[in-house]
Each structure stands twice: as structure tokens, then as C-alpha cells.
């Protein structure tokens, strides 16, 4: 076992996962958290420099805050992209040539890799490392959640949304589209209509509840709050489809988890999502903000399970998003630094 420093903006479930990953690849991390161990950027630089004084490498993210503050601080620095941090910097026209001064850069999407290359980062310094999926937990057609727990009819198709209730995730588009999905002609009266399962919370939760009522779908919509990790696989496995309408994304872990479970994915056509979802091949896409297009896709997917699509989606995840297999990339990135 050898040491390293893990520098972050706060502390949460994703930080715990990265620290666990570092331990799994033989690195014992000293954690330095902005806000907990450092009051500002100067404090952060001093704390990280002290922790890395013996030459141990530093893994630091997000790029737009922590990593950028540590550039040229005299440590061996590997930048760690979080979500759409690099996309935001690029969109805002920020000079990204500072990325070339990193000893390594870990990215989770092809879209971010192209931004880094355009900024001048050498390809050999970039490590593609999506969050990935625990394939032993997110099994293909594994256990299902009991419909009784969700308060839905046993055979009702479920449309599942699990993104935060914030404007960037456009959950309102999902409600609007779901309300327009027609009942297929000739469907037996005993077959229930689809139900919408809305996970997570946020600043728009009450507005979304009101929207469901205004649209007349409150009786077929369940707001279930944040879903514990242990309950995700059975929920996704039971779903007729998983849908995300986000405006921007890196690699969405939940999207990959749905693909691993054999659940059709319906995703907005952002660069991050398009890195995994090929329309009609590994899932289904729609133009971001296009409620009519989303309505059409939801109608098709809830009416007819796309066997070939979900098989190819599972194969893609096994090939490129197996978390345990991908850990070797983290080891190589830290060793190279």
C-alpha cells in the first residue's frame, strides 16, 4: 500500500466511493476537504501541499473549483472531473490551457475528453474512467420491487425518473410528456395504464407535484423521494423504462445502472448521454426540451419491450462500464503521476 491525497470540495457518497476505490487499488488516501479542512483556496493549497510533502500524488476534483485552485502548487496533481464541470468551463469560454499543467486527468465521458484534447492536453495523460456499475448488484433481469410497495397495479408499466428536482434536469418535461402518452388502441381494459415513478427531491418538488395534479396524472404518479442505493436495482429492474431529460450530463451512473438491469433507457440527446445511448441500438434519445418527441418515445417503449435494445445495452455496460474492471485505470493514472 502506498499513499496519496484526495482533495475534494465537500464530502458525500461520491467522495466515499472514490476514497474506497483508491484503497482498492492500493492507495491510502489522506482526505482534504474544502469547507471542512480549508476555508478558502489558499488554505486548500497549503493543506494539500503539506499532506503531499513526501511526494505522494494528489487526486483532486471538481475541476472547476478544487483542481483549478491546486494547479502549479508544487504537487503531482491528477484532475478528477465531476459530472459536467468541464462542460461548464468550456461553455463559459474559460481558458482551459491550465489543464495541460496537470500530471494526469480522469474524465468520465467522451465529450469531456474532446474538450480536454482541444485545450491541448496530451492524450496519454487522459484516463477515461466512467463511474461504472457494480454488475454483481445490477444484474440483468434481476429481482423486482413489489408493486404493492409503490402503490401501483401489479402489471402496470412503470416510467421511472430519478434525477434531482432542479431546472437543469427538466423533470417537468417528463411529466408533461407522460401526460400525453395515449393508451394504445385495442388494449384490453384489464391492462392498467402506465404509472410514473418520480424519485429524488429538490427545489422544484412542490411545483412538480402541482404540475402532476394540473395535468390530471396525480393518480398515476408516485413521488418516492431519494432512493437508497440498495433499492435501486429492484426498482430499475421493474421499470418499463428509465428516463432522463437533463440539459447536460457527463456519464450518468443511474443511466448505466438501468442499462445493466435490462431496462430500456430514454435519454435527452446530450453529448454525455450520446456517449452511451445510440438511438434504437442501446436505448432511445430525443432532442433536449422536445416534449412531443419524448411523448412519442415513451409511448413506444411502454407498449413494446425492445429486447434487442436492452441486450445490446447490457453488452455495452459489461464491456466499458464494469466498475471493478475499470479500477485498474485508476491505479495506472495514480502510478503515472
Protein backbone atom coordinates (compact mmCIF):
# COMPACT_ATOMS: atom_id res chain seq x y z
CA UNK A 1 0.00 0.00 0.00
CA UNK A 2 1.24 3.49 -0.82
CA UNK A 3 -0.13 6.91 -0.02
CA UNK A 4 -1.94 9.65 -1.90
CA UNK A 5 -4.02 12.74 -1.19
CA UNK A 6 -7.69 13.04 -2.11
CA UNK A 7 -8.80 16.69 -2.36
CA UNK A 8 -12.49 17.49 -2.74
CA UNK A 9 -14.99 20.31 -2.41
CA UNK A 10 -17.09 18.65 0.28
CA UNK A 11 -17.98 15.17 1.42
CA UNK A 12 -20.73 12.88 0.14
CA UNK A 13 -21.50 9.45 -1.25
CA UNK A 14 -19.42 10.03 -4.39
CA UNK A 15 -16.39 11.05 -2.31
CA UNK A 16 -16.75 7.89 -0.22
CA UNK A 17 -16.79 5.85 -3.41
CA UNK A 18 -13.61 7.45 -4.75
CA UNK A 19 -11.81 7.01 -1.44
CA UNK A 20 -12.88 3.37 -1.40
CA UNK A 21 -11.64 2.97 -4.97
CA UNK A 22 -8.24 4.41 -4.06
CA UNK A 23 -7.97 1.93 -1.22
CA UNK A 24 -8.97 -0.90 -3.56
CA UNK A 25 -6.08 -0.08 -5.90
CA UNK A 26 -3.53 0.04 -3.09
CA UNK A 27 -3.53 3.74 -2.22
CA UNK A 28 -4.10 5.01 1.33
CA UNK A 29 -5.63 8.47 0.87
CA UNK A 30 -5.30 11.48 3.13
CA UNK A 31 -8.54 13.41 2.59
CA UNK A 32 -8.53 17.22 2.39
CA UNK A 33 -11.96 18.79 2.02
CA UNK A 34 -12.60 22.42 1.10
CA UNK A 35 -15.00 23.80 3.67
CA UNK A 36 -14.10 21.21 6.28
CA UNK A 37 -10.30 21.31 6.32
CA UNK A 38 -9.75 24.56 4.41
CA UNK A 39 -11.63 27.85 4.49
CA UNK A 40 -10.63 29.04 1.03
CA UNK A 41 -8.39 28.31 -1.97
CA UNK A 42 -5.23 29.47 -0.21
CA UNK A 43 -5.95 27.25 2.79
CA UNK A 44 -6.62 24.37 0.45
CA UNK A 45 -3.29 24.78 -1.30
CA UNK A 46 -1.43 24.86 2.00
CA UNK A 47 -3.26 21.82 3.38
CA UNK A 48 -2.77 19.74 0.24
CA UNK A 49 0.88 20.75 -0.12
CA UNK A 50 1.53 19.71 3.47
CA UNK A 51 -0.23 16.37 3.01
CA UNK A 52 1.70 15.71 -0.20
CA UNK A 53 5.06 16.92 1.08
CA UNK A 54 6.61 13.46 0.74
CA UNK A 55 5.82 13.37 -2.99
CA UNK A 56 2.61 11.39 -2.88
CA UNK A 57 0.26 12.14 -5.80
CA UNK A 58 -2.91 14.18 -5.39
CA UNK A 59 -6.31 13.27 -6.87
CA UNK A 60 -8.43 16.44 -6.91
CA UNK A 61 -11.86 17.44 -8.13
CA UNK A 62 -14.16 19.00 -9.24
CA UNK A 63 -12.08 20.54 -12.00
CA UNK A 64 -13.78 23.95 -11.92
CA UNK A 65 -13.03 24.54 -8.24
CA UNK A 66 -10.63 22.29 -6.34
CA UNK A 67 -8.41 21.13 -9.21
CA UNK A 68 -8.00 24.57 -10.74
CA UNK A 69 -7.07 26.01 -7.32
CA UNK A 70 -4.27 23.44 -6.94
CA UNK A 71 -2.56 23.90 -10.31
CA UNK A 72 1.09 24.99 -10.00
CA UNK A 73 1.14 24.32 -6.25
CA UNK A 74 4.17 22.05 -6.49
CA UNK A 75 2.32 18.73 -6.08
CA UNK A 76 1.88 15.86 -8.52
CA UNK A 77 -1.69 16.59 -9.49
CA UNK A 78 -4.30 14.37 -11.16
CA UNK A 79 -7.50 16.22 -12.01
CA UNK A 80 -10.80 14.44 -11.41
CA UNK A 81 -13.83 15.51 -13.42
CA UNK A 82 -17.17 15.67 -11.63
CA UNK A 83 -20.33 15.49 -13.74
CA UNK A 84 -20.44 18.43 -16.12
CA UNK A 85 -17.74 20.62 -14.51
CA UNK A 86 -15.54 20.65 -17.61
CA UNK A 87 -18.55 21.22 -19.86
CA UNK A 88 -19.50 24.29 -17.80
CA UNK A 89 -15.99 25.74 -18.07
CA UNK A 90 -15.97 25.15 -21.82
CA UNK A 91 -19.47 26.61 -22.26
CA UNK A 92 -18.50 29.74 -20.34
CA UNK A 93 -15.47 30.29 -22.58
CA UNK A 94 -12.93 29.83 -19.77
CA UNK A 95 -9.30 29.43 -20.85
CA UNK A 96 -8.60 25.73 -20.28
CA UNK A 97 -4.90 25.64 -21.12
CA UNK A 98 -4.19 25.16 -17.39
CA UNK A 99 -5.32 21.58 -17.89
CA UNK A 100 -2.06 20.93 -19.74
CA UNK A 101 -0.15 21.52 -16.50
CA UNK A 102 -1.81 18.56 -14.76
CA UNK A 103 0.13 15.33 -14.35
CA UNK A 104 -2.99 13.40 -15.25
CA UNK A 105 -6.69 13.93 -15.94
CA UNK A 106 -9.52 11.49 -15.21
CA UNK A 107 -12.68 12.02 -17.27
CA UNK A 108 -15.95 10.12 -17.42
CA UNK A 109 -17.24 10.94 -20.90
CA UNK A 110 -16.06 11.15 -24.50
CA UNK A 111 -17.48 14.68 -24.72
CA UNK A 112 -15.20 15.83 -21.91
CA UNK A 113 -12.22 14.03 -23.46
CA UNK A 114 -12.70 16.02 -26.68
CA UNK A 115 -12.79 19.29 -24.70
CA UNK A 116 -9.56 18.37 -22.92
CA UNK A 117 -7.83 17.43 -26.18
CA UNK A 118 -8.91 20.74 -27.73
CA UNK A 119 -7.34 22.53 -24.74
CA UNK A 120 -4.02 20.85 -25.54
CA UNK A 121 -3.94 18.01 -23.02
CA UNK A 122 -1.77 15.16 -24.30
CA UNK A 123 -3.86 12.02 -24.98
CA UNK A 124 -1.59 9.83 -22.86
CA UNK A 125 -2.33 11.97 -19.80
CA UNK A 126 -6.09 11.39 -20.08
CA UNK A 127 -7.76 8.43 -18.38
CA UNK A 128 -11.33 7.56 -19.38
CA UNK A 129 -12.95 6.26 -16.21
CA UNK A 130 -16.75 6.31 -16.02
CA UNK A 131 -18.28 5.85 -12.59
CA UNK A 132 -19.31 2.41 -13.71
CA UNK A 133 -21.68 -0.21 -12.37
CA UNK A 134 -21.39 -2.98 -9.82
CA UNK A 135 -22.55 -5.74 -12.16
CA UNK A 136 -22.97 -8.18 -9.29
CA UNK A 137 -25.69 -5.91 -7.87
CA UNK A 138 -27.24 -4.55 -11.05
CA UNK A 139 -27.96 -7.88 -12.70
CA UNK A 140 -29.76 -8.43 -15.98
CA UNK A 141 -33.44 -9.08 -15.23
CA UNK A 142 -32.75 -9.46 -11.51
CA UNK A 143 -35.21 -9.11 -8.60
CA UNK A 144 -38.11 -6.66 -8.93
CA UNK A 145 -39.59 -4.34 -6.35
CA UNK A 146 -43.07 -5.39 -5.22
CA UNK A 147 -45.69 -3.23 -6.94
CA UNK A 148 -47.56 -3.07 -3.63
CA UNK A 149 -44.67 -1.10 -2.12
CA UNK A 150 -45.10 1.54 -4.80
CA UNK A 151 -48.90 1.59 -4.63
CA UNK A 152 -49.34 0.65 -8.30
CA UNK A 153 -51.24 -2.17 -10.03
CA UNK A 154 -49.16 -5.37 -10.33
CA UNK A 155 -48.87 -5.28 -14.13
CA UNK A 156 -48.69 -1.54 -14.72
CA UNK A 157 -45.76 -0.37 -16.87
CA UNK A 158 -43.54 1.97 -14.86
CA UNK A 159 -41.77 5.03 -16.25
CA UNK A 160 -39.00 5.87 -13.76
CA UNK A 161 -37.25 9.23 -13.30
CA UNK A 162 -34.52 9.58 -10.67
CA UNK A 163 -32.85 12.92 -11.37
CA UNK A 164 -32.83 15.89 -8.98
CA UNK A 165 -35.76 18.29 -8.99
CA UNK A 166 -33.78 21.22 -10.35
CA UNK A 167 -34.23 23.17 -13.61
CA UNK A 168 -31.19 21.60 -15.30
CA UNK A 169 -32.74 18.11 -15.11
CA UNK A 170 -36.04 19.13 -16.75
CA UNK A 171 -38.19 16.69 -14.80
CA UNK A 172 -41.17 18.87 -15.74
CA UNK A 173 -40.67 17.77 -19.36
CA UNK A 174 -41.05 14.15 -18.27
CA UNK A 175 -44.35 14.86 -16.51
CA UNK A 176 -45.64 16.83 -19.50
CA UNK A 177 -44.71 14.05 -21.93
CA UNK A 178 -46.07 11.28 -19.72
CA UNK A 179 -49.44 13.06 -19.51
CA UNK A 180 -49.70 13.00 -23.32
CA UNK A 181 -48.88 9.31 -23.85
CA UNK A 182 -52.03 7.79 -25.41
CA UNK A 183 -53.49 4.46 -24.41
CA UNK A 184 -52.75 2.02 -27.27
CA UNK A 185 -55.70 1.10 -29.46
CA UNK A 186 -57.15 -2.32 -28.80
CA UNK A 187 -55.50 -2.72 -25.39
CA UNK A 188 -57.63 -4.90 -23.11
CA UNK A 189 -59.47 -2.94 -20.45
CA UNK A 190 -57.92 -5.06 -17.70
CA UNK A 191 -54.40 -3.89 -18.64
CA UNK A 192 -53.52 -0.86 -16.47
CA UNK A 193 -52.19 2.41 -17.85
CA UNK A 194 -48.52 3.28 -17.20
CA UNK A 195 -47.51 4.87 -13.90
CA UNK A 196 -44.80 7.49 -13.44
CA UNK A 197 -42.35 6.97 -10.57
CA UNK A 198 -40.53 10.20 -9.67
CA UNK A 199 -37.57 9.72 -7.38
CA UNK A 200 -35.27 12.29 -5.75
CA UNK A 201 -36.17 15.75 -4.40
CA UNK A 202 -35.12 19.36 -4.92
CA UNK A 203 -36.23 22.97 -5.10
CA UNK A 204 -38.93 22.13 -7.68
CA UNK A 205 -40.56 19.19 -5.86
CA UNK A 206 -43.71 21.04 -4.84
CA UNK A 207 -44.04 22.61 -8.28
CA UNK A 208 -43.75 19.17 -9.87
CA UNK A 209 -46.43 17.77 -7.57
CA UNK A 210 -48.69 20.64 -8.57
CA UNK A 211 -47.90 20.05 -12.23
CA UNK A 212 -48.93 16.38 -11.93
CA UNK A 213 -52.23 17.50 -10.42
CA UNK A 214 -52.79 20.15 -13.09
CA UNK A 215 -52.09 17.62 -15.84
CA UNK A 216 -54.54 15.12 -14.39
CA UNK A 217 -51.91 12.43 -13.76
CA UNK A 218 -51.58 12.70 -9.98
CA UNK A 219 -53.39 9.37 -9.54
CA UNK A 220 -50.79 7.68 -11.77
CA UNK A 221 -47.73 9.48 -10.39
CA UNK A 222 -45.75 8.45 -7.33
CA UNK A 223 -43.21 10.80 -5.74
CA UNK A 224 -40.95 8.47 -3.76
CA UNK A 225 -38.09 10.76 -2.67
CA UNK A 226 -34.45 9.71 -2.67
CA UNK A 227 -33.95 6.01 -3.31
CA UNK A 228 -31.29 4.20 -1.23
CA UNK A 229 -28.59 2.54 -3.32
CA UNK A 230 -29.66 -0.90 -2.10
CA UNK A 231 -33.17 -0.36 -3.51
CA UNK A 232 -32.16 0.94 -6.94
CA UNK A 233 -31.65 -2.37 -8.74
CA UNK A 234 -35.10 -3.82 -7.91
CA UNK A 235 -36.78 -0.52 -8.85
CA UNK A 236 -34.94 -0.18 -12.17
CA UNK A 237 -35.49 -3.85 -12.93
CA UNK A 238 -39.25 -3.42 -12.54
CA UNK A 239 -39.39 -0.35 -14.81
CA UNK A 240 -40.71 -0.37 -18.36
CA UNK A 241 -38.16 2.37 -18.99
CA UNK A 242 -35.82 4.76 -17.23
CA UNK A 243 -35.99 8.35 -18.50
CA UNK A 244 -33.67 11.33 -18.09
CA UNK A 245 -34.37 14.70 -19.72
CA UNK A 246 -31.30 16.56 -18.38
CA UNK A 247 -29.87 19.52 -20.28
CA UNK A 248 -26.29 18.43 -19.66
CA UNK A 249 -24.55 15.37 -18.25
CA UNK A 250 -21.25 13.60 -18.02
CA UNK A 251 -21.71 9.88 -17.58
CA UNK A 252 -24.86 9.29 -15.56
CA UNK A 253 -24.41 6.36 -13.18
CA UNK A 254 -28.13 5.71 -12.93
CA UNK A 255 -28.37 5.54 -16.72
CA UNK A 256 -25.65 2.87 -16.74
CA UNK A 257 -27.36 1.01 -13.90
CA UNK A 258 -30.61 0.91 -15.85
CA UNK A 259 -28.78 -0.40 -18.92
CA UNK A 260 -27.19 -3.11 -16.78
CA UNK A 261 -30.59 -4.19 -15.40
CA UNK A 262 -32.16 -4.75 -18.82
CA UNK A 263 -34.29 -1.61 -18.53
CA UNK A 264 -34.81 0.45 -21.71
CA UNK A 265 -33.27 3.91 -21.36
CA UNK A 266 -34.89 7.04 -22.80
CA UNK A 267 -32.43 9.93 -22.66
CA UNK A 268 -32.05 13.50 -23.85
CA UNK A 269 -29.53 13.77 -26.67
CA UNK A 270 -26.74 15.45 -24.68
CA UNK A 271 -23.11 14.68 -25.53
CA UNK A 272 -22.69 12.75 -22.28
CA UNK A 273 -25.75 10.58 -22.88
CA UNK A 274 -24.89 10.03 -26.54
CA UNK A 275 -21.61 8.51 -25.41
CA UNK A 276 -23.66 5.52 -24.20
CA UNK A 277 -27.05 5.64 -25.89
CA UNK A 278 -27.21 5.04 -29.64
CA UNK A 279 -30.81 5.65 -30.65
CA UNK A 280 -32.55 2.40 -31.46
CA UNK A 281 -29.45 0.36 -30.67
CA UNK A 282 -28.65 0.70 -26.95
CA UNK A 283 -31.58 2.92 -25.96
CA UNK A 284 -33.68 5.79 -27.23
CA UNK A 285 -32.94 9.51 -27.46
CA UNK A 286 -34.90 12.70 -28.02
CA UNK A 287 -33.86 16.34 -28.51
CA UNK A 288 -33.48 18.08 -25.16
CA UNK A 289 -36.63 20.03 -24.35
CA UNK A 290 -38.72 18.40 -27.10
CA UNK A 291 -41.75 17.17 -25.14
CA UNK A 292 -43.54 15.89 -28.25
CA UNK A 293 -40.57 13.71 -29.20
CA UNK A 294 -40.30 12.42 -25.64
CA UNK A 295 -44.02 11.61 -25.65
CA UNK A 296 -43.59 9.56 -28.80
CA UNK A 297 -40.67 7.57 -27.39
CA UNK A 298 -42.41 6.89 -24.08
CA UNK A 299 -45.48 5.65 -25.92
CA UNK A 300 -43.45 3.22 -28.00
CA UNK A 301 -41.28 1.89 -25.19
CA UNK A 302 -44.09 1.35 -22.68
CA UNK A 303 -46.15 -0.50 -25.30
CA UNK A 304 -43.45 -2.84 -26.60
CA UNK A 305 -40.41 -4.13 -24.69
CA UNK A 306 -37.36 -3.74 -27.00
CA UNK A 307 -35.49 -7.00 -26.35
CA UNK A 308 -32.65 -6.41 -28.80
CA UNK A 309 -32.00 -2.91 -27.50
CA UNK A 310 -31.66 -3.95 -23.86
CA UNK A 311 -29.41 -6.88 -24.76
CA UNK A 312 -27.04 -4.57 -26.62
CA UNK A 313 -27.20 -2.04 -23.78
CA UNK A 314 -26.17 -4.67 -21.25
CA UNK A 315 -23.30 -5.76 -23.50
CA UNK A 316 -22.07 -2.16 -23.74
CA UNK A 317 -22.07 -1.74 -19.96
CA UNK A 318 -20.26 -5.03 -19.42
CA UNK A 319 -17.63 -4.03 -21.97
CA UNK A 320 -16.98 -0.44 -20.86
CA UNK A 321 -18.66 0.36 -17.53
CA UNK A 322 -17.80 -2.52 -15.19
CA UNK A 323 -16.68 -0.61 -12.09
CA UNK A 324 -14.46 -3.38 -10.77
CA UNK A 325 -12.73 -3.86 -14.11
CA UNK A 326 -12.26 -0.12 -14.57
CA UNK A 327 -10.46 0.30 -11.26
CA UNK A 328 -7.23 -0.75 -12.95
CA UNK A 329 -7.41 2.52 -14.90
CA UNK A 330 -7.41 4.47 -11.65
CA UNK A 331 -4.32 2.56 -10.47
CA UNK A 332 -2.48 3.35 -13.72
CA UNK A 333 -3.42 7.06 -13.55
CA UNK A 334 -2.12 7.41 -10.00
CA UNK A 335 1.01 5.39 -10.72
CA UNK A 336 1.77 7.51 -13.78
CA UNK A 337 1.55 10.70 -11.70
